[in-house]
Protein backbone atom coordinates (compact mmCIF):
# COMPACT_ATOMS: atom_id res chain seq x y z
CA MET A 1 109.89 114.02 83.15
CA ARG A 2 108.26 114.41 87.18
CA THR A 3 110.51 116.22 89.24
CA ASP A 4 108.02 116.80 92.12
CA ILE A 5 108.81 115.66 95.55
CA PHE A 6 106.61 112.42 95.33
CA ALA A 7 108.84 110.99 92.04
CA ARG A 8 111.73 111.37 94.41
CA LEU A 9 110.22 109.27 97.06
CA ASP A 10 109.23 106.75 94.77
CA ARG A 11 112.77 106.20 93.81
CA GLU A 12 114.35 105.70 97.24
CA PRO A 13 114.45 102.29 98.82
CA GLU A 14 111.19 101.37 100.69
CA PRO A 15 111.73 101.38 104.03
CA PRO A 16 111.67 98.28 106.49
CA LYS A 17 108.21 96.79 107.53
CA ILE A 18 107.22 97.47 110.82
CA GLU A 19 107.36 94.26 112.97
CA THR A 20 104.43 93.55 114.97
CA PRO A 21 105.29 92.87 118.82
CA ARG A 22 104.67 89.79 120.20
CA MET A 23 102.91 88.99 123.52
CA SER A 24 106.44 87.76 125.13
CA ARG A 25 106.53 86.84 128.80
CA HIS A 26 108.40 90.14 129.83
CA ARG A 27 105.94 91.92 128.32
CA ILE A 28 102.83 89.61 130.02
CA ALA A 29 105.31 90.68 133.56
CA LEU A 30 104.74 93.89 132.77
CA PHE A 31 101.18 94.00 131.94
CA GLY A 32 100.02 92.13 135.18
CA GLY A 33 102.62 94.80 137.59
CA THR A 34 100.56 97.34 135.62
CA LEU A 35 97.31 95.89 136.26
CA ALA A 36 98.19 95.63 139.96
CA PHE A 37 99.11 98.94 140.58
CA TYR A 38 96.46 100.19 138.68
CA LEU A 39 93.87 98.46 141.45
CA ALA A 40 96.02 99.62 144.12
CA ILE A 41 95.34 103.19 143.03
CA VAL A 42 91.75 102.50 142.85
CA ILE A 43 91.38 101.17 146.04
CA ALA A 44 93.70 103.43 147.77
CA VAL A 45 90.90 106.51 146.76
CA LEU A 46 87.76 103.71 147.37
CA VAL A 47 88.81 103.50 151.31
CA SER A 48 90.44 107.35 151.33
CA SER A 49 93.62 106.33 152.39
CA TRP A 50 96.99 108.36 152.49
CA LEU A 51 96.78 108.91 148.82
CA VAL A 52 93.46 110.99 149.33
CA THR A 53 95.63 112.97 151.72
CA LEU A 54 98.24 113.72 149.81
CA ASP A 55 95.63 114.93 147.09
CA TRP A 56 94.10 117.66 149.07
CA LYS A 57 97.80 118.80 150.63
CA VAL A 58 98.96 119.48 146.99
CA MET A 59 95.86 121.21 146.02
CA LEU A 60 95.77 123.50 149.02
CA PHE A 61 99.24 124.67 148.32
CA ARG A 62 98.12 125.84 144.84
CA PRO A 63 100.84 125.30 142.84
CA TYR A 64 100.00 127.60 139.67
CA GLN A 65 99.94 130.46 142.94
CA GLN A 66 103.47 129.11 143.85
CA TRP A 67 104.92 130.07 140.17
CA PRO A 68 102.74 132.22 138.17
CA GLY A 69 105.75 132.76 135.65
CA ILE A 70 105.46 129.36 133.67
CA HIS A 71 101.31 129.78 134.06
CA ALA A 72 101.10 131.14 130.21
CA PHE A 73 103.21 128.59 128.81
CA LEU A 74 101.68 125.52 130.65
CA ASP A 75 98.14 126.65 129.36
CA TYR A 76 99.38 125.78 125.98
CA TYR A 77 101.97 122.71 126.57
CA VAL A 78 98.70 120.90 128.09
CA VAL A 79 97.54 120.50 124.60
CA LEU A 80 100.03 117.82 124.16
CA GLY A 81 97.57 115.95 126.27
CA GLN A 82 94.18 116.70 124.35
CA ARG A 83 92.90 113.96 122.28
CA GLY A 84 92.05 116.31 119.36
CA PRO A 85 94.54 117.91 118.65
CA THR A 86 97.40 114.97 119.50
CA ALA A 87 95.13 112.26 117.51
CA VAL A 88 95.40 114.98 114.46
CA MET A 89 99.09 115.25 114.48
CA VAL A 90 100.24 111.75 115.38
CA ALA A 91 97.49 110.49 112.94
CA CYS A 92 99.13 112.62 109.73
CA TRP A 93 102.61 110.99 110.49
CA LEU A 94 101.11 107.42 110.78
CA GLY A 95 99.27 108.13 107.21
CA TRP A 96 102.39 109.03 105.73
CA ARG A 97 104.00 105.87 106.73
CA SER A 98 101.04 104.00 105.41
CA TRP A 99 101.33 105.60 102.70
CA ARG A 100 105.13 104.99 102.00
CA GLN A 101 104.94 101.12 103.37
CA HIS A 102 101.16 100.13 101.50
CA THR A 103 99.72 99.13 104.75
CA LEU A 104 97.11 100.73 106.61
CA ARG A 105 98.05 99.25 110.20
CA PRO A 106 99.80 102.21 111.46
CA LEU A 107 96.46 103.96 110.87
CA LEU A 108 94.36 101.10 112.16
CA THR A 109 96.91 100.45 115.23
CA LEU A 110 96.34 104.05 116.36
CA GLY A 111 92.25 103.91 115.78
CA ALA A 112 91.99 100.90 118.07
CA SER A 113 94.24 102.17 120.69
CA LEU A 114 91.92 105.42 120.84
CA LEU A 115 89.14 103.20 121.02
CA LEU A 116 90.48 101.08 123.64
CA LEU A 117 91.52 104.44 126.01
CA ASN A 118 87.85 105.81 125.21
CA VAL A 119 86.41 102.44 126.67
CA THR A 120 88.39 101.81 129.28
CA VAL A 121 89.15 105.13 130.70
CA GLY A 122 85.33 106.67 130.11
CA ALA A 123 83.86 103.66 131.80
CA VAL A 124 85.85 104.43 135.10
CA LYS A 125 85.47 108.36 134.97
CA ILE A 126 81.53 107.33 134.39
CA GLY A 127 81.61 104.87 137.41
CA LEU A 128 83.11 106.36 140.05
CA GLY A 129 81.87 110.17 138.98
CA ARG A 130 84.96 111.82 141.35
CA LEU A 131 84.71 115.64 141.26
CA GLY A 132 87.89 117.92 140.60
CA PRO A 133 90.01 119.89 143.19
CA HIS A 134 87.92 123.02 141.80
CA TYR A 135 84.63 121.57 142.88
CA ALA A 136 85.31 119.84 145.63
CA THR A 137 83.07 119.98 148.86
CA GLN A 138 84.41 118.75 151.70
CA ILE A 139 88.00 118.90 152.67
CA GLY A 140 89.66 115.15 153.15
CA SER A 141 86.91 113.48 151.04
CA ALA A 142 87.78 111.61 148.28
CA GLU A 143 85.25 113.04 146.17
CA LEU A 144 83.83 109.43 144.90
CA PHE A 145 80.15 109.17 142.90
CA ALA A 146 79.20 112.86 143.12
CA GLY A 147 78.98 113.40 139.04
CA GLY A 148 81.81 114.25 138.24
CA ASP A 149 84.46 112.65 135.37
CA ILE A 150 88.01 113.18 136.04
CA PHE A 151 89.01 110.43 137.57
CA PRO A 152 92.04 109.04 135.91
CA SER A 153 92.89 111.51 133.96
CA GLY A 154 91.90 111.97 130.50
CA HIS A 155 94.74 114.09 129.68
CA THR A 156 97.61 112.33 131.22
CA ALA A 157 96.41 108.93 129.52
CA ASN A 158 95.77 110.20 125.83
CA ALA A 159 99.36 111.46 126.46
CA VAL A 160 100.21 108.11 127.24
CA VAL A 161 98.69 106.42 124.41
CA THR A 162 98.74 108.83 121.54
CA TRP A 163 102.92 109.30 121.92
CA GLY A 164 103.80 106.10 123.38
CA ILE A 165 102.17 104.55 120.00
CA LEU A 166 105.10 106.23 117.90
CA ALA A 167 107.32 103.97 119.99
CA TYR A 168 105.24 100.68 119.92
CA LEU A 169 105.09 101.26 115.89
CA ALA A 170 108.86 102.36 115.32
CA ALA A 171 111.06 100.21 112.54
CA THR A 172 114.19 99.46 114.53
CA PRO A 173 115.19 98.94 118.15
CA ARG A 174 116.94 102.37 118.86
CA ALA A 175 113.92 104.18 117.18
CA ARG A 176 111.95 102.37 119.48
CA ARG A 177 113.90 103.20 122.95
CA TYR A 178 114.12 106.95 121.80
CA LEU A 179 110.39 107.33 121.08
CA SER A 180 109.83 105.87 124.59
CA ALA A 181 111.78 108.05 126.36
CA MET A 182 110.29 111.30 124.48
CA SER A 183 106.66 109.91 125.26
CA ALA A 184 107.17 109.16 129.02
CA LEU A 185 108.59 112.74 129.01
CA VAL A 186 105.68 114.21 127.60
CA SER A 187 103.52 112.13 129.36
CA LEU A 188 104.75 112.98 132.66
CA GLY A 189 104.98 116.75 132.10
CA VAL A 190 101.31 116.83 130.65
CA GLY A 191 100.17 114.85 133.88
CA LEU A 192 102.15 117.20 135.97
CA THR A 193 100.79 120.63 133.99
CA THR A 194 97.04 119.39 135.31
CA VAL A 195 98.08 118.97 139.23
CA TYR A 196 99.81 122.84 138.75
CA LEU A 197 96.85 124.37 137.00
CA GLY A 198 94.76 122.20 139.33
CA THR A 199 92.15 120.64 137.18
CA HIS A 200 93.22 117.01 138.42
CA TRP A 201 94.18 115.60 141.86
CA LEU A 202 97.69 113.56 141.99
CA SER A 203 96.14 110.40 142.41
CA ASP A 204 94.29 111.31 138.87
CA VAL A 205 97.60 111.74 136.48
CA VAL A 206 99.22 108.62 138.59
CA LEU A 207 96.06 106.13 137.55
CA GLY A 208 95.71 107.79 133.91
CA TRP A 209 99.93 106.98 133.59
CA ALA A 210 98.74 103.51 134.18
CA ALA A 211 95.59 103.42 132.26
CA GLY A 212 97.61 104.62 129.41
CA LEU A 213 100.59 102.18 129.55
CA LEU A 214 97.75 99.14 129.98
CA ILE A 215 96.62 100.06 126.47
CA LEU A 216 100.07 100.35 125.01
CA LEU A 217 101.16 97.04 126.70
CA GLY A 218 98.12 95.29 125.88
CA LEU A 219 98.03 96.03 122.05
CA PRO A 220 99.58 92.74 120.70
CA TRP A 221 96.18 90.80 122.14
CA VAL A 222 94.64 92.92 119.57
CA GLU A 223 96.95 92.67 116.18
CA PRO A 224 95.01 89.59 115.21
CA LEU A 225 91.84 91.78 114.96
CA ILE A 226 93.90 94.49 112.84
CA THR A 227 95.24 92.09 110.76
CA ARG A 228 91.78 90.87 109.60
CA ALA A 229 90.68 94.65 109.70
CA GLU A 230 93.25 95.33 107.35
CA ASN A 231 92.63 92.49 105.14
CA TRP A 232 88.89 93.11 104.79
CA ILE A 233 89.33 96.77 103.80
CA PHE A 234 91.63 95.89 101.11
CA ALA A 235 89.52 93.17 100.03
CA ALA A 236 86.54 95.37 99.81
CA ARG A 237 88.32 97.89 98.04
CA GLU A 238 89.20 95.20 95.06
CA TRP A 239 85.99 93.93 94.88
CA LEU A 240 84.27 97.59 94.39
CA SER A 241 87.10 98.35 91.95
CA ALA A 242 85.72 95.21 89.70
CA ARG A 243 82.23 95.99 90.14
CA GLY A 244 83.06 99.35 88.91
CA ARG A 245 84.98 98.26 85.71
CA THR A 246 82.21 95.86 85.26
CA ALA A 247 79.42 98.45 85.69
CA ALA A 248 80.85 100.80 83.85
CA PRO A 249 82.04 99.24 79.99
CA GLU A 250 84.66 101.41 77.66
CA PRO A 251 82.91 103.74 75.51
CA VAL A 252 82.31 103.29 71.85
CA ILE A 253 83.72 105.92 70.03
CA PRO A 254 82.11 105.67 66.60
CA ARG A 255 83.89 106.17 63.27
CA PRO A 256 83.49 109.07 61.06
CA VAL A 257 81.41 108.98 58.31
CA PRO A 258 82.45 110.18 55.19
CA ALA A 259 80.19 112.71 53.93
CA ALA A 260 78.98 112.26 50.04
CA PRO A 261 80.54 114.51 47.37
CA VAL A 262 78.05 117.43 46.41
CA ALA A 263 76.86 117.18 42.99
CA THR A 264 77.24 120.44 40.39
CA GLY A 265 76.54 121.34 36.76
CA ALA A 266 75.43 118.41 34.91
CA ALA A 267 75.32 116.01 37.70
CA ALA A 268 72.82 117.70 39.78
CA GLN A 269 70.42 117.72 37.26
CA GLY A 270 70.85 113.51 36.59
CA PRO A 271 72.11 111.33 33.66
CA ALA A 272 71.42 112.41 30.33
CA ARG A 273 69.08 111.27 28.20
CA GLU A 274 69.54 109.09 25.61
CA PRO A 275 67.05 108.65 22.58
CA ALA A 276 65.39 105.15 22.20
CA GLY A 277 67.10 102.61 20.34
CA THR A 278 70.53 104.11 20.35
CA GLY A 279 72.95 101.79 21.26
CA GLY A 280 74.93 103.77 23.69
CA PRO A 281 77.48 102.58 26.31
CA THR A 282 75.32 102.47 28.73
CA ALA A 283 72.73 100.06 27.00
CA VAL A 284 75.69 97.97 25.93
CA ALA A 285 76.75 97.22 29.22
CA THR A 286 73.11 96.37 30.60
CA ALA A 287 72.73 94.14 27.67
CA THR A 288 76.34 92.12 27.95
CA GLY A 289 76.73 92.19 31.25
CA SER A 290 79.99 93.41 30.85
CA ARG A 291 81.54 97.12 31.87
CA PRO A 292 81.16 99.98 29.62
CA ARG A 293 84.07 101.10 27.83
CA ALA A 294 86.41 103.35 29.09
CA HIS A 295 86.61 105.72 27.03
CA THR A 296 83.34 108.16 27.59
CA ALA A 297 81.95 111.95 26.42
CA PRO A 298 83.90 114.48 28.07
CA PRO A 299 81.78 116.05 30.85
CA ALA A 300 79.54 118.84 29.98
CA HIS A 301 80.74 122.56 30.81
CA PRO A 302 78.80 124.00 33.81
CA GLY A 303 75.74 126.10 32.84
CA HIS A 304 75.05 124.11 29.57
CA PRO A 305 72.83 121.40 28.96
CA ALA A 306 74.20 118.00 28.51
CA ARG A 307 73.85 116.76 24.54
CA PRO A 308 72.91 113.41 24.07
CA GLU A 309 75.32 110.80 22.64
CA ARG A 310 74.68 109.97 19.52
CA PRO A 311 76.43 106.96 17.33
CA PRO A 312 77.99 108.09 14.66
CA ILE A 313 76.94 107.37 11.09
CA ALA A 314 78.49 105.87 8.47
CA PRO A 315 78.26 107.62 5.29
CA ALA A 316 76.20 105.91 2.35
CA GLY A 317 78.54 107.12 -0.21
CA SER A 318 81.81 108.99 -0.86
CA ARG A 319 82.02 112.25 -0.31
CA ARG A 320 84.18 113.45 -3.00
CA PRO A 321 82.20 114.81 -5.94
CA PRO A 322 81.85 113.02 -9.07
CA HIS A 323 84.99 113.15 -11.76
CA ALA A 324 84.02 112.94 -15.45
CA ASP A 325 87.28 111.45 -16.30
CA ARG A 326 87.37 109.10 -13.26
CA THR A 327 86.35 105.65 -13.21
CA PRO A 328 84.93 104.20 -10.14
CA ARG A 329 86.58 101.29 -8.39
CA GLY A 330 85.57 97.97 -9.46
CA GLY A 331 83.69 99.56 -12.28
CA THR A 332 84.28 98.62 -16.40
CA ALA A 333 86.03 101.53 -18.12
CA PRO A 334 84.25 103.19 -21.38
CA ALA A 335 85.81 101.97 -24.28
CA ARG A 336 87.45 104.66 -26.18
CA PRO A 337 87.10 105.69 -29.81
CA VAL A 338 89.51 104.38 -32.03
CA ALA A 339 91.56 107.08 -34.02
CA GLY A 340 91.89 107.04 -37.84
CA GLY A 341 88.80 104.63 -38.09
């Protein structure tokens, strides 16, 4: 009887299936508003508006010098926005859910969201080429098209998507609300931590929040592709399993062959010879086509040659010695002398 954790989990009721969010009107309105906000931030940085001036004020304030006591803690806290560690942690949890619910949708959704994040955020980073605060060359400048890659903030966008995907895949509305609040706080803290450490401008963080939110809001449009990918993976697995069963037939186990008995004594020397002309059992059985008689001579003693079987010879006459007064049966008795006469 299995007593491990997997046996106990198999006996538990299966959790509810993950509901696929739909692109409702409310969601479309949020997506449109977030996209407009995203474009407004990009334009404000391009024209070096008041937002760029605010970036410089925050950078020259040097928050890491104002509150040095929290510097060590925030060095670790910012890891919650790095793509590698966060992706591994969330993938472990979603992999557990995929195994429990017999579906690949959680893992495929995480992979699709990270792929969209890398493509969209990476393209804007390379296209605008903004330098970070530590590498700025001119006060008041937006530092665009200078070979940098910090606009928008990758840490902030990754925190929004990686932790927000847990709320997106929540099984109940209550869990979705709690996870949404948690992911918002984590991503907000990660973004402000990068500003504190001086690795990002404030506008980088704001654009990173918008970029991550656009990925989460637009995921329902990718759901049909995720479903097709899941069906294709399961079909490929079934095909490979069927091919493996056909290519590798079951091995045929040979049956054991009984070993021949080892002959000893007279049997090892071959059958005993019979004299010619004798009507032994073997000759009678061969001539008549019938089986030999059941009564045969006893086996020879080991170490002594086998005696040939001889048929019994009937005696020609009686073995009794002749008697003078006896008359053989069937004969004529001799005449007795007559007394007195």
